[in-house]
Amino acid sequence: MSIQSTYACAPIALLLTAGALAAEAPQTMFLERGQTQASAKQIRSYGVPTTDEFGKVLYWDIAVDLSVNTTGKPMGSATVTAVKQPNVRTNRLIPGAYTDTWGGACTVHTTILASGRQEASVTCTSTNYVWNFTVDNGDVAGHPFELQLKAAGIDQIPDYRDYNWGIDGATSNNYGACFATNYIVSARQVGPQIVVTRYGNDNIGDCGATLTQTP
């Protein structure tokens, strides 16, 4: 009886041990929830959530630098650097080529400012018309267009931080019967699309456009 009891308890003990090990190591990473960009031999992911050993969520900007050997084959090792992301971790736009609602060809360029904000510059052309706008993510406080955004009451919009905010630049008047120079606009990346809304000079959306990423 004692021998049978010993063997019967063994699987339970193993399960308890495995459970204890799992409980001790909850740290993980969610790459799919970050904004990932790739260029040449570098892959960058912004705002990647991770959890530490206590389950606390942290956000990181990660750069993976790959190498290629003399035969042109990517090497099996890479240099990975990670820096804790500043509090500015709201929606970022994905650079590349897009088509707007009216069939115009658009180009999105992005950069990261010293403050940690992403700034995106967008240019769309359709026949003889041009639409330009620049948007930055993050709080209104410290935003490059802070004065215009505060004057319009943008900071009074619930969850405004989920959007990028900026101003129409040199734009053919009434592009798409919606956009014109110096109007306030918001932009948000939704999958392969950028949804842009014109606010004019207040915090009420008037009209908008959708930019769809091209292959």
N, C-alpha and C. Protein backbone atom coordinates (compact mmCIF):
# COMPACT_ATOMS: atom_id res chain seq x y z
N MET A 1 0.82 -1.21 0.00
CA MET A 1 0.00 0.00 0.00
C MET A 1 0.86 1.26 0.00
N SER A 2 1.94 1.20 0.74
CA SER A 2 2.79 2.38 0.84
C SER A 2 3.47 2.68 -0.49
N ILE A 3 3.86 1.59 -1.23
CA ILE A 3 4.51 1.79 -2.53
C ILE A 3 3.54 2.43 -3.51
N GLN A 4 2.30 1.94 -3.55
CA GLN A 4 1.30 2.50 -4.46
C GLN A 4 1.04 3.96 -4.14
N SER A 5 0.99 4.30 -2.87
CA SER A 5 0.73 5.68 -2.47
C SER A 5 1.85 6.60 -2.94
N THR A 6 3.10 6.09 -2.85
CA THR A 6 4.24 6.90 -3.27
C THR A 6 4.17 7.24 -4.75
N TYR A 7 3.85 6.24 -5.59
CA TYR A 7 3.77 6.47 -7.03
C TYR A 7 2.56 7.33 -7.40
N ALA A 8 1.48 7.18 -6.66
CA ALA A 8 0.28 7.96 -6.95
C ALA A 8 0.51 9.43 -6.68
N CYS A 9 1.34 9.75 -5.72
CA CYS A 9 1.59 11.14 -5.36
C CYS A 9 2.58 11.82 -6.30
N ALA A 10 3.42 11.03 -7.01
CA ALA A 10 4.46 11.61 -7.84
C ALA A 10 3.93 12.57 -8.91
N PRO A 11 2.91 12.19 -9.71
CA PRO A 11 2.41 13.12 -10.72
C PRO A 11 1.89 14.41 -10.11
N ILE A 12 1.24 14.31 -8.95
CA ILE A 12 0.71 15.50 -8.30
C ILE A 12 1.85 16.43 -7.91
N ALA A 13 2.93 15.83 -7.39
CA ALA A 13 4.09 16.63 -6.99
C ALA A 13 4.70 17.33 -8.19
N LEU A 14 4.77 16.62 -9.33
CA LEU A 14 5.33 17.22 -10.53
C LEU A 14 4.47 18.37 -11.02
N LEU A 15 3.15 18.21 -10.97
CA LEU A 15 2.25 19.27 -11.39
C LEU A 15 2.40 20.49 -10.51
N LEU A 16 2.52 20.25 -9.20
CA LEU A 16 2.68 21.36 -8.28
C LEU A 16 3.98 22.10 -8.53
N THR A 17 5.02 21.37 -8.84
CA THR A 17 6.32 21.99 -9.12
C THR A 17 6.25 22.82 -10.39
N ALA A 18 5.64 22.25 -11.44
CA ALA A 18 5.50 22.99 -12.69
C ALA A 18 4.68 24.24 -12.50
N GLY A 19 3.62 24.14 -11.71
CA GLY A 19 2.77 25.30 -11.44
C GLY A 19 3.52 26.38 -10.70
N ALA A 20 4.36 25.95 -9.75
CA ALA A 20 5.14 26.91 -8.97
C ALA A 20 6.14 27.63 -9.87
N LEU A 21 6.77 26.90 -10.80
CA LEU A 21 7.73 27.52 -11.71
C LEU A 21 7.04 28.53 -12.62
N ALA A 22 5.83 28.17 -13.11
CA ALA A 22 5.09 29.09 -13.97
C ALA A 22 4.72 30.35 -13.21
N ALA A 23 4.35 30.19 -11.94
CA ALA A 23 3.95 31.33 -11.14
C ALA A 23 5.13 32.24 -10.86
N GLU A 24 6.33 31.66 -10.84
CA GLU A 24 7.52 32.45 -10.54
C GLU A 24 8.03 33.21 -11.75
N ALA A 25 7.54 32.90 -12.94
CA ALA A 25 8.06 33.54 -14.15
C ALA A 25 6.93 34.04 -15.05
N PRO A 26 6.19 35.07 -14.63
CA PRO A 26 5.10 35.58 -15.45
C PRO A 26 5.57 36.57 -16.52
N GLN A 27 6.88 36.93 -16.53
CA GLN A 27 7.33 37.94 -17.48
C GLN A 27 7.20 37.45 -18.92
N THR A 28 6.70 38.34 -19.76
CA THR A 28 6.52 38.00 -21.17
C THR A 28 6.51 39.27 -22.00
N MET A 29 6.38 39.14 -23.31
CA MET A 29 6.41 40.26 -24.23
C MET A 29 5.28 40.12 -25.23
N PHE A 30 4.73 41.26 -25.71
CA PHE A 30 3.63 41.25 -26.66
C PHE A 30 4.03 42.09 -27.88
N LEU A 31 4.87 41.53 -28.73
CA LEU A 31 5.37 42.25 -29.90
C LEU A 31 4.23 42.71 -30.82
N GLU A 32 3.18 41.91 -30.89
CA GLU A 32 2.09 42.22 -31.82
C GLU A 32 1.34 43.49 -31.43
N ARG A 33 1.55 43.97 -30.20
CA ARG A 33 0.84 45.18 -29.76
C ARG A 33 1.67 46.45 -29.94
N GLY A 34 2.89 46.32 -30.44
CA GLY A 34 3.72 47.48 -30.70
C GLY A 34 3.57 47.94 -32.14
N GLN A 35 4.19 49.08 -32.46
CA GLN A 35 4.22 49.57 -33.84
C GLN A 35 5.59 49.21 -34.41
N THR A 36 5.62 48.34 -35.39
CA THR A 36 6.88 47.82 -35.92
C THR A 36 7.19 48.40 -37.29
N GLN A 37 8.44 48.83 -37.46
CA GLN A 37 8.91 49.36 -38.73
C GLN A 37 10.23 48.68 -39.07
N ALA A 38 10.52 48.52 -40.35
CA ALA A 38 11.76 47.87 -40.76
C ALA A 38 12.40 48.65 -41.89
N SER A 39 13.73 48.77 -41.84
CA SER A 39 14.46 49.45 -42.89
C SER A 39 15.88 48.89 -42.94
N ALA A 40 16.33 48.54 -44.17
CA ALA A 40 17.67 47.98 -44.36
C ALA A 40 17.87 46.77 -43.44
N LYS A 41 18.84 46.85 -42.51
CA LYS A 41 19.13 45.71 -41.63
C LYS A 41 18.59 45.92 -40.22
N GLN A 42 17.70 46.89 -40.05
CA GLN A 42 17.21 47.18 -38.70
C GLN A 42 15.69 47.04 -38.62
N ILE A 43 15.25 46.43 -37.53
CA ILE A 43 13.83 46.32 -37.23
C ILE A 43 13.58 47.10 -35.94
N ARG A 44 12.60 48.01 -35.96
CA ARG A 44 12.27 48.79 -34.77
C ARG A 44 10.81 48.55 -34.38
N SER A 45 10.59 48.36 -33.10
CA SER A 45 9.24 48.22 -32.57
C SER A 45 9.07 49.22 -31.43
N TYR A 46 8.04 50.06 -31.56
CA TYR A 46 7.81 51.10 -30.57
C TYR A 46 6.63 50.73 -29.67
N GLY A 47 6.78 51.02 -28.38
CA GLY A 47 5.68 50.80 -27.44
C GLY A 47 5.34 49.34 -27.25
N VAL A 48 6.35 48.46 -27.21
CA VAL A 48 6.09 47.03 -27.02
C VAL A 48 5.82 46.77 -25.54
N PRO A 49 4.65 46.21 -25.20
CA PRO A 49 4.36 45.92 -23.79
C PRO A 49 5.09 44.66 -23.32
N THR A 50 5.60 44.70 -22.12
CA THR A 50 6.15 43.52 -21.46
C THR A 50 5.61 43.49 -20.04
N THR A 51 5.70 42.32 -19.40
CA THR A 51 5.37 42.23 -17.99
C THR A 51 6.59 41.73 -17.24
N ASP A 52 6.83 42.29 -16.06
CA ASP A 52 7.98 41.85 -15.28
C ASP A 52 7.60 40.68 -14.38
N GLU A 53 8.49 40.29 -13.48
CA GLU A 53 8.26 39.12 -12.64
C GLU A 53 7.06 39.28 -11.71
N PHE A 54 6.62 40.53 -11.52
CA PHE A 54 5.46 40.77 -10.65
C PHE A 54 4.19 41.01 -11.45
N GLY A 55 4.29 40.91 -12.79
CA GLY A 55 3.12 41.11 -13.64
C GLY A 55 2.87 42.56 -14.01
N LYS A 56 3.78 43.48 -13.63
CA LYS A 56 3.61 44.89 -13.96
C LYS A 56 3.88 45.11 -15.45
N VAL A 57 3.04 45.91 -16.10
CA VAL A 57 3.18 46.18 -17.53
C VAL A 57 4.14 47.34 -17.75
N LEU A 58 5.12 47.15 -18.64
CA LEU A 58 6.09 48.17 -19.01
C LEU A 58 6.08 48.33 -20.53
N TYR A 59 6.53 49.48 -21.03
CA TYR A 59 6.54 49.72 -22.47
C TYR A 59 7.96 50.05 -22.92
N TRP A 60 8.39 49.45 -24.05
CA TRP A 60 9.76 49.57 -24.51
C TRP A 60 9.82 49.91 -25.99
N ASP A 61 10.86 50.67 -26.36
CA ASP A 61 11.21 50.87 -27.76
C ASP A 61 12.39 49.94 -28.04
N ILE A 62 12.24 49.05 -29.00
CA ILE A 62 13.23 48.00 -29.24
C ILE A 62 13.82 48.13 -30.65
N ALA A 63 15.13 47.99 -30.75
CA ALA A 63 15.81 47.98 -32.05
C ALA A 63 16.57 46.68 -32.20
N VAL A 64 16.34 46.00 -33.31
CA VAL A 64 17.04 44.75 -33.62
C VAL A 64 17.90 44.99 -34.86
N ASP A 65 19.23 44.92 -34.68
CA ASP A 65 20.16 45.12 -35.78
C ASP A 65 20.67 43.77 -36.27
N LEU A 66 20.32 43.43 -37.51
CA LEU A 66 20.72 42.17 -38.10
C LEU A 66 22.05 42.32 -38.84
N SER A 67 22.69 41.21 -39.13
CA SER A 67 23.94 41.24 -39.89
C SER A 67 23.85 40.25 -41.05
N VAL A 68 24.64 40.52 -42.08
CA VAL A 68 24.65 39.69 -43.29
C VAL A 68 26.09 39.26 -43.56
N ASN A 69 26.29 37.96 -43.86
CA ASN A 69 27.66 37.51 -44.10
C ASN A 69 28.08 37.79 -45.54
N THR A 70 29.29 37.39 -45.89
CA THR A 70 29.85 37.72 -47.21
C THR A 70 29.09 37.08 -48.37
N THR A 71 28.32 36.03 -48.08
CA THR A 71 27.53 35.38 -49.14
C THR A 71 26.15 36.02 -49.29
N GLY A 72 25.87 37.03 -48.44
CA GLY A 72 24.56 37.69 -48.50
C GLY A 72 23.51 37.03 -47.64
N LYS A 73 23.91 36.03 -46.87
CA LYS A 73 22.95 35.33 -46.02
C LYS A 73 22.82 36.04 -44.67
N PRO A 74 21.56 36.29 -44.22
CA PRO A 74 21.37 36.88 -42.89
C PRO A 74 21.94 35.95 -41.82
N MET A 75 22.66 36.54 -40.87
CA MET A 75 23.29 35.76 -39.82
C MET A 75 22.26 35.34 -38.77
N GLY A 76 22.61 34.33 -38.01
CA GLY A 76 21.70 33.81 -37.00
C GLY A 76 21.73 34.56 -35.69
N SER A 77 22.49 35.63 -35.62
CA SER A 77 22.55 36.43 -34.39
C SER A 77 22.20 37.87 -34.71
N ALA A 78 21.81 38.62 -33.69
CA ALA A 78 21.44 40.02 -33.88
C ALA A 78 21.75 40.79 -32.61
N THR A 79 21.93 42.09 -32.76
CA THR A 79 22.13 42.97 -31.61
C THR A 79 20.80 43.61 -31.26
N VAL A 80 20.38 43.45 -30.02
CA VAL A 80 19.09 43.96 -29.58
C VAL A 80 19.30 45.02 -28.50
N THR A 81 18.72 46.19 -28.71
CA THR A 81 18.75 47.24 -27.70
C THR A 81 17.32 47.62 -27.36
N ALA A 82 17.09 47.94 -26.11
CA ALA A 82 15.75 48.31 -25.65
C ALA A 82 15.86 49.46 -24.67
N VAL A 83 15.04 50.48 -24.87
CA VAL A 83 14.99 51.61 -23.95
C VAL A 83 13.55 51.78 -23.50
N LYS A 84 13.39 52.11 -22.24
CA LYS A 84 12.05 52.28 -21.71
C LYS A 84 11.40 53.48 -22.39
N GLN A 85 10.20 53.27 -22.87
CA GLN A 85 9.55 54.33 -23.62
C GLN A 85 9.08 55.45 -22.70
N PRO A 86 9.21 56.70 -23.15
CA PRO A 86 8.67 57.81 -22.36
C PRO A 86 7.16 57.67 -22.23
N ASN A 87 6.57 58.52 -21.42
CA ASN A 87 5.12 58.45 -21.22
C ASN A 87 4.35 58.65 -22.51
N VAL A 88 5.01 59.29 -23.50
CA VAL A 88 4.36 59.47 -24.80
C VAL A 88 4.35 58.13 -25.52
N ARG A 89 3.23 57.42 -25.48
CA ARG A 89 3.16 56.11 -26.14
C ARG A 89 1.80 55.92 -26.81
N THR A 90 1.24 57.03 -27.28
CA THR A 90 -0.04 56.95 -27.95
C THR A 90 0.16 56.50 -29.40
N ASN A 91 -0.93 56.44 -30.12
CA ASN A 91 -0.96 55.88 -31.47
C ASN A 91 0.10 56.49 -32.38
N ARG A 92 0.81 55.64 -33.13
CA ARG A 92 1.82 56.07 -34.08
C ARG A 92 1.39 55.71 -35.49
N LEU A 93 1.84 56.52 -36.45
CA LEU A 93 1.51 56.25 -37.84
C LEU A 93 2.61 55.42 -38.48
N ILE A 94 2.23 54.61 -39.46
CA ILE A 94 3.17 53.74 -40.16
C ILE A 94 3.58 54.44 -41.46
N PRO A 95 4.88 54.69 -41.66
CA PRO A 95 5.32 55.37 -42.88
C PRO A 95 5.11 54.50 -44.12
N GLY A 96 5.08 55.17 -45.28
CA GLY A 96 4.93 54.42 -46.52
C GLY A 96 4.02 55.13 -47.50
N ALA A 97 3.58 54.38 -48.52
CA ALA A 97 2.72 54.92 -49.57
C ALA A 97 1.26 54.58 -49.28
N TYR A 98 0.37 55.55 -49.53
CA TYR A 98 -1.06 55.38 -49.28
C TYR A 98 -1.84 56.00 -50.43
N THR A 99 -3.13 55.68 -50.49
CA THR A 99 -4.05 56.32 -51.41
C THR A 99 -5.17 56.94 -50.60
N ASP A 100 -5.52 58.20 -50.88
CA ASP A 100 -6.55 58.84 -50.07
C ASP A 100 -7.95 58.56 -50.62
N THR A 101 -8.94 59.10 -49.96
CA THR A 101 -10.35 58.86 -50.29
C THR A 101 -10.67 59.24 -51.74
N TRP A 102 -9.97 60.24 -52.27
CA TRP A 102 -10.28 60.74 -53.61
C TRP A 102 -9.32 60.20 -54.66
N GLY A 103 -8.55 59.19 -54.34
CA GLY A 103 -7.65 58.59 -55.29
C GLY A 103 -6.30 59.26 -55.39
N GLY A 104 -6.04 60.21 -54.51
CA GLY A 104 -4.75 60.87 -54.51
C GLY A 104 -3.65 59.96 -53.98
N ALA A 105 -2.43 60.17 -54.47
CA ALA A 105 -1.28 59.38 -54.01
C ALA A 105 -0.64 60.09 -52.82
N CYS A 106 -0.46 59.36 -51.73
CA CYS A 106 0.04 59.95 -50.49
C CYS A 106 1.34 59.28 -50.05
N THR A 107 2.19 60.06 -49.40
CA THR A 107 3.42 59.55 -48.82
C THR A 107 3.49 59.97 -47.36
N VAL A 108 3.77 59.03 -46.48
CA VAL A 108 3.87 59.31 -45.05
C VAL A 108 5.31 59.10 -44.61
N HIS A 109 5.90 60.15 -44.05
CA HIS A 109 7.25 60.08 -43.49
C HIS A 109 7.15 60.31 -41.99
N THR A 110 7.94 59.59 -41.20
CA THR A 110 7.90 59.75 -39.75
C THR A 110 9.30 59.92 -39.19
N THR A 111 9.36 60.53 -38.01
CA THR A 111 10.61 60.65 -37.27
C THR A 111 10.27 60.68 -35.78
N ILE A 112 11.25 60.38 -34.94
CA ILE A 112 11.07 60.44 -33.50
C ILE A 112 11.80 61.66 -32.97
N LEU A 113 11.07 62.56 -32.30
CA LEU A 113 11.67 63.76 -31.75
C LEU A 113 12.40 63.43 -30.45
N ALA A 114 13.21 64.37 -30.00
CA ALA A 114 13.99 64.16 -28.78
C ALA A 114 13.08 63.93 -27.58
N SER A 115 11.86 64.45 -27.62
CA SER A 115 10.91 64.30 -26.52
C SER A 115 10.32 62.89 -26.46
N GLY A 116 10.53 62.09 -27.52
CA GLY A 116 9.94 60.76 -27.59
C GLY A 116 8.69 60.73 -28.44
N ARG A 117 8.22 61.90 -28.87
CA ARG A 117 7.03 61.94 -29.74
C ARG A 117 7.40 61.47 -31.14
N GLN A 118 6.41 60.85 -31.80
CA GLN A 118 6.57 60.60 -33.22
C GLN A 118 5.94 61.76 -33.98
N GLU A 119 6.66 62.30 -34.96
CA GLU A 119 6.10 63.32 -35.83
C GLU A 119 5.95 62.71 -37.22
N ALA A 120 4.78 62.90 -37.82
CA ALA A 120 4.51 62.35 -39.15
C ALA A 120 4.19 63.49 -40.10
N SER A 121 4.81 63.45 -41.28
CA SER A 121 4.54 64.42 -42.33
C SER A 121 3.89 63.69 -43.49
N VAL A 122 2.73 64.18 -43.92
CA VAL A 122 1.95 63.49 -44.96
C VAL A 122 1.71 64.44 -46.13
N THR A 123 1.94 63.93 -47.32
CA THR A 123 1.67 64.71 -48.54
C THR A 123 0.84 63.86 -49.48
N CYS A 124 -0.29 64.43 -49.95
CA CYS A 124 -1.15 63.75 -50.92
C CYS A 124 -1.31 64.65 -52.14
N THR A 125 -1.27 64.04 -53.32
CA THR A 125 -1.48 64.79 -54.56
C THR A 125 -2.55 64.11 -55.39
N SER A 126 -3.44 64.92 -55.96
CA SER A 126 -4.51 64.40 -56.80
C SER A 126 -4.71 65.39 -57.94
N THR A 127 -4.37 64.96 -59.15
CA THR A 127 -4.41 65.84 -60.33
C THR A 127 -3.54 67.07 -60.05
N ASN A 128 -4.15 68.26 -59.96
CA ASN A 128 -3.37 69.47 -59.70
C ASN A 128 -3.52 69.96 -58.26
N TYR A 129 -4.03 69.11 -57.39
CA TYR A 129 -4.27 69.52 -56.01
C TYR A 129 -3.30 68.83 -55.07
N VAL A 130 -2.94 69.53 -54.00
CA VAL A 130 -1.99 69.01 -53.02
C VAL A 130 -2.55 69.19 -51.62
N TRP A 131 -2.31 68.19 -50.78
CA TRP A 131 -2.73 68.24 -49.37
C TRP A 131 -1.54 67.83 -48.51
N ASN A 132 -1.14 68.71 -47.62
CA ASN A 132 -0.06 68.41 -46.68
C ASN A 132 -0.56 68.57 -45.25
N PHE A 133 -0.11 67.69 -44.37
CA PHE A 133 -0.36 67.92 -42.95
C PHE A 133 0.73 67.26 -42.12
N THR A 134 0.93 67.82 -40.94
CA THR A 134 1.92 67.30 -40.00
C THR A 134 1.24 67.06 -38.67
N VAL A 135 1.44 65.88 -38.08
CA VAL A 135 0.83 65.55 -36.80
C VAL A 135 1.87 64.95 -35.86
N ASP A 136 1.65 65.15 -34.56
CA ASP A 136 2.51 64.58 -33.52
C ASP A 136 1.62 63.90 -32.49
N ASN A 137 2.15 62.86 -31.84
CA ASN A 137 1.36 62.18 -30.82
C ASN A 137 1.68 62.73 -29.44
N GLY A 138 0.94 62.27 -28.43
CA GLY A 138 1.23 62.67 -27.06
C GLY A 138 0.31 63.75 -26.52
N ASP A 139 0.62 64.21 -25.31
CA ASP A 139 -0.18 65.23 -24.63
C ASP A 139 -0.16 66.55 -25.38
N VAL A 140 -1.20 67.36 -25.15
CA VAL A 140 -1.22 68.71 -25.70
C VAL A 140 -0.11 69.54 -25.06
N ALA A 141 0.11 69.36 -23.76
CA ALA A 141 1.19 70.08 -23.08
C ALA A 141 2.53 69.67 -23.70
N GLY A 142 3.26 70.64 -24.19
CA GLY A 142 4.55 70.36 -24.80
C GLY A 142 4.46 69.97 -26.27
N HIS A 143 3.25 69.91 -26.82
CA HIS A 143 3.05 69.57 -28.23
C HIS A 143 3.58 70.70 -29.11
N PRO A 144 4.17 70.39 -30.28
CA PRO A 144 4.65 71.45 -31.17
C PRO A 144 3.57 72.45 -31.56
N PHE A 145 2.30 72.01 -31.59
CA PHE A 145 1.19 72.91 -31.92
C PHE A 145 0.33 73.19 -30.69
N GLU A 146 0.96 73.23 -29.52
CA GLU A 146 0.23 73.37 -28.25
C GLU A 146 -0.71 74.56 -28.24
N LEU A 147 -0.26 75.72 -28.68
CA LEU A 147 -1.08 76.93 -28.59
C LEU A 147 -2.37 76.79 -29.41
N GLN A 148 -2.24 76.30 -30.66
CA GLN A 148 -3.44 76.15 -31.49
C GLN A 148 -4.39 75.10 -30.92
N LEU A 149 -3.82 74.00 -30.43
CA LEU A 149 -4.66 72.91 -29.92
C LEU A 149 -5.40 73.34 -28.65
N LYS A 150 -4.73 74.06 -27.77
CA LYS A 150 -5.39 74.52 -26.54
C LYS A 150 -6.46 75.56 -26.86
N ALA A 151 -6.16 76.45 -27.79
CA ALA A 151 -7.13 77.48 -28.15
C ALA A 151 -8.40 76.86 -28.73
N ALA A 152 -8.24 75.72 -29.40
CA ALA A 152 -9.39 75.03 -29.99
C ALA A 152 -10.09 74.10 -29.00
N GLY A 153 -9.49 73.89 -27.82
CA GLY A 153 -10.10 73.01 -26.82
C GLY A 153 -9.91 71.54 -27.11
N ILE A 154 -8.87 71.20 -27.87
CA ILE A 154 -8.63 69.79 -28.19
C ILE A 154 -8.37 68.97 -26.93
N ASP A 155 -7.73 69.59 -25.94
CA ASP A 155 -7.43 68.86 -24.70
C ASP A 155 -8.68 68.56 -23.87
N GLN A 156 -9.84 69.05 -24.31
CA GLN A 156 -11.10 68.76 -23.63
C GLN A 156 -11.81 67.54 -24.23
N ILE A 157 -11.26 67.00 -25.30
CA ILE A 157 -11.87 65.82 -25.93
C ILE A 157 -11.45 64.57 -25.15
N PRO A 158 -12.40 63.74 -24.71
CA PRO A 158 -12.03 62.51 -24.00
C PRO A 158 -11.12 61.63 -24.87
N ASP A 159 -10.09 61.09 -24.25
CA ASP A 159 -9.16 60.17 -24.95
C ASP A 159 -8.48 60.81 -26.15
N TYR A 160 -8.28 62.12 -26.12
CA TYR A 160 -7.61 62.77 -27.24
C TYR A 160 -6.20 62.22 -27.45
N ARG A 161 -5.61 61.66 -26.38
CA ARG A 161 -4.25 61.14 -26.48
C ARG A 161 -4.16 59.91 -27.38
N ASP A 162 -5.29 59.30 -27.72
CA ASP A 162 -5.28 58.14 -28.61
C ASP A 162 -5.08 58.54 -30.07
N TYR A 163 -5.02 59.84 -30.32
CA TYR A 163 -4.91 60.34 -31.69
C TYR A 163 -3.65 61.20 -31.83
N ASN A 164 -3.21 61.35 -33.07
CA ASN A 164 -2.14 62.28 -33.41
C ASN A 164 -2.80 63.59 -33.82
N TRP A 165 -2.21 64.70 -33.40
CA TRP A 165 -2.82 66.00 -33.67
C TRP A 165 -1.83 66.91 -34.39
N GLY A 166 -2.37 67.75 -35.28
CA GLY A 166 -1.50 68.66 -35.99
C GLY A 166 -2.28 69.65 -36.82
N ILE A 167 -1.60 70.17 -37.85
CA ILE A 167 -2.14 71.26 -38.66
C ILE A 167 -1.95 70.95 -40.14
N ASP A 168 -2.94 71.32 -40.95
CA ASP A 168 -2.77 71.26 -42.39
C ASP A 168 -1.72 72.28 -42.80
N GLY A 169 -0.75 71.85 -43.61
CA GLY A 169 0.27 72.76 -44.11
C GLY A 169 -0.19 73.39 -45.42
N ALA A 170 0.76 73.60 -46.33
CA ALA A 170 0.43 74.19 -47.63
C ALA A 170 -0.48 73.23 -48.39
N THR A 171 -1.75 73.57 -48.45
CA THR A 171 -2.76 72.68 -49.02
C THR A 171 -3.63 73.44 -50.01
N SER A 172 -3.90 72.82 -51.17
CA SER A 172 -4.82 73.43 -52.12
C SER A 172 -6.15 73.66 -51.42
N ASN A 173 -6.65 74.87 -51.50
CA ASN A 173 -7.84 75.23 -50.73
C ASN A 173 -8.99 74.26 -50.95
N ASN A 174 -9.53 73.78 -49.84
CA ASN A 174 -10.70 72.89 -49.85
C ASN A 174 -10.40 71.56 -50.54
N TYR A 175 -9.24 70.98 -50.27
CA TYR A 175 -8.88 69.67 -50.84
C TYR A 175 -9.92 68.64 -50.39
N GLY A 176 -10.51 67.96 -51.36
CA GLY A 176 -11.53 66.97 -51.05
C GLY A 176 -12.76 67.58 -50.40
N ALA A 177 -12.98 68.88 -50.64
CA ALA A 177 -14.09 69.60 -50.01
C ALA A 177 -14.02 69.50 -48.49
N CYS A 178 -12.78 69.45 -47.96
CA CYS A 178 -12.64 69.26 -46.51
C CYS A 178 -11.44 70.00 -45.93
N PHE A 179 -10.27 69.86 -46.52
CA PHE A 179 -9.04 70.32 -45.88
C PHE A 179 -8.50 71.61 -46.50
N ALA A 180 -7.94 72.46 -45.63
CA ALA A 180 -7.35 73.72 -46.09
C ALA A 180 -6.23 74.12 -45.14
N THR A 181 -5.34 74.97 -45.60
CA THR A 181 -4.17 75.38 -44.82
C THR A 181 -4.54 75.90 -43.44
N ASN A 182 -3.78 75.45 -42.43
CA ASN A 182 -3.88 75.88 -41.03
C ASN A 182 -5.07 75.32 -40.27
N TYR A 183 -5.81 74.38 -40.85
CA TYR A 183 -6.87 73.72 -40.10
C TYR A 183 -6.27 72.67 -39.17
N ILE A 184 -6.88 72.49 -38.00
CA ILE A 184 -6.45 71.45 -37.07
C ILE A 184 -6.98 70.10 -37.57
N VAL A 185 -6.13 69.07 -37.53
CA VAL A 185 -6.53 67.73 -37.94
C VAL A 185 -6.06 66.71 -36.91
N SER A 186 -6.76 65.58 -36.87
CA SER A 186 -6.31 64.43 -36.07
C SER A 186 -6.08 63.27 -37.02
N ALA A 187 -5.22 62.36 -36.62
CA ALA A 187 -4.95 61.17 -37.45
C ALA A 187 -4.73 59.98 -36.54
N ARG A 188 -5.23 58.82 -36.97
CA ARG A 188 -5.08 57.60 -36.19
C ARG A 188 -4.86 56.42 -37.12
N GLN A 189 -3.87 55.60 -36.80
CA GLN A 189 -3.62 54.39 -37.59
C GLN A 189 -4.58 53.29 -37.17
N VAL A 190 -5.31 52.75 -38.13
CA VAL A 190 -6.23 51.63 -37.87
C VAL A 190 -5.88 50.55 -38.89
N GLY A 191 -5.03 49.60 -38.49
CA GLY A 191 -4.57 48.59 -39.42
C GLY A 191 -3.82 49.24 -40.57
N PRO A 192 -4.20 48.93 -41.83
CA PRO A 192 -3.50 49.50 -42.98
C PRO A 192 -4.02 50.88 -43.36
N GLN A 193 -4.88 51.46 -42.56
CA GLN A 193 -5.48 52.75 -42.89
C GLN A 193 -5.14 53.83 -41.87
N ILE A 194 -5.08 55.07 -42.35
CA ILE A 194 -4.95 56.23 -41.47
C ILE A 194 -6.25 57.03 -41.61
N VAL A 195 -6.95 57.19 -40.50
CA VAL A 195 -8.20 57.94 -40.49
C VAL A 195 -7.89 59.37 -40.06
N VAL A 196 -8.20 60.32 -40.94
CA VAL A 196 -7.91 61.74 -40.68
C VAL A 196 -9.21 62.50 -40.52
N THR A 197 -9.29 63.35 -39.50
CA THR A 197 -10.49 64.15 -39.25
C THR A 197 -10.11 65.63 -39.18
N ARG A 198 -10.87 66.47 -39.87
CA ARG A 198 -10.65 67.91 -39.80
C ARG A 198 -11.47 68.50 -38.66
N TYR A 199 -10.81 69.29 -37.84
CA TYR A 199 -11.49 69.98 -36.74
C TYR A 199 -11.57 71.48 -36.97
N GLY A 200 -10.92 71.98 -38.00
CA GLY A 200 -10.97 73.42 -38.25
C GLY A 200 -10.26 74.17 -37.15
N ASN A 201 -11.00 75.01 -36.42
CA ASN A 201 -10.42 75.78 -35.33
C ASN A 201 -11.12 75.54 -34.00
N ASP A 202 -11.85 74.42 -33.89
CA ASP A 202 -12.51 74.10 -32.62
C ASP A 202 -12.33 72.61 -32.35
N ASN A 203 -13.07 72.06 -31.38
CA ASN A 203 -12.91 70.65 -31.02
C ASN A 203 -14.07 69.78 -31.49
N ILE A 204 -14.71 70.21 -32.57
CA ILE A 204 -15.81 69.43 -33.16
C ILE A 204 -15.39 69.01 -34.57
N GLY A 205 -15.39 67.70 -34.81
CA GLY A 205 -15.00 67.19 -36.12
C GLY A 205 -15.97 67.61 -37.20
N ASP A 206 -15.45 68.05 -38.35
CA ASP A 206 -16.30 68.54 -39.43
C ASP A 206 -16.42 67.55 -40.59
N CYS A 207 -15.29 66.95 -40.98
CA CYS A 207 -15.27 66.04 -42.11
C CYS A 207 -13.98 65.25 -42.03
N GLY A 208 -13.73 64.36 -42.96
CA GLY A 208 -12.53 63.54 -42.86
C GLY A 208 -12.16 62.81 -44.13
N ALA A 209 -11.13 62.01 -44.01
CA ALA A 209 -10.63 61.22 -45.13
C ALA A 209 -9.97 59.97 -44.60
N THR A 210 -9.87 58.97 -45.45
CA THR A 210 -9.19 57.73 -45.10
C THR A 210 -8.05 57.48 -46.07
N LEU A 211 -6.87 57.26 -45.53
CA LEU A 211 -5.71 56.94 -46.34
C LEU A 211 -5.47 55.43 -46.21
N THR A 212 -5.40 54.73 -47.33
CA THR A 212 -5.24 53.28 -47.33
C THR A 212 -3.85 52.92 -47.85
N GLN A 213 -3.14 52.12 -47.07
CA GLN A 213 -1.76 51.74 -47.42
C GLN A 213 -1.77 50.95 -48.73
N THR A 214 -0.81 51.26 -49.61
CA THR A 214 -0.71 50.54 -50.88
C THR A 214 0.37 49.47 -50.76
N PRO A 215 0.24 48.38 -51.51
CA PRO A 215 1.22 47.28 -51.44
C PRO A 215 2.61 47.76 -51.82
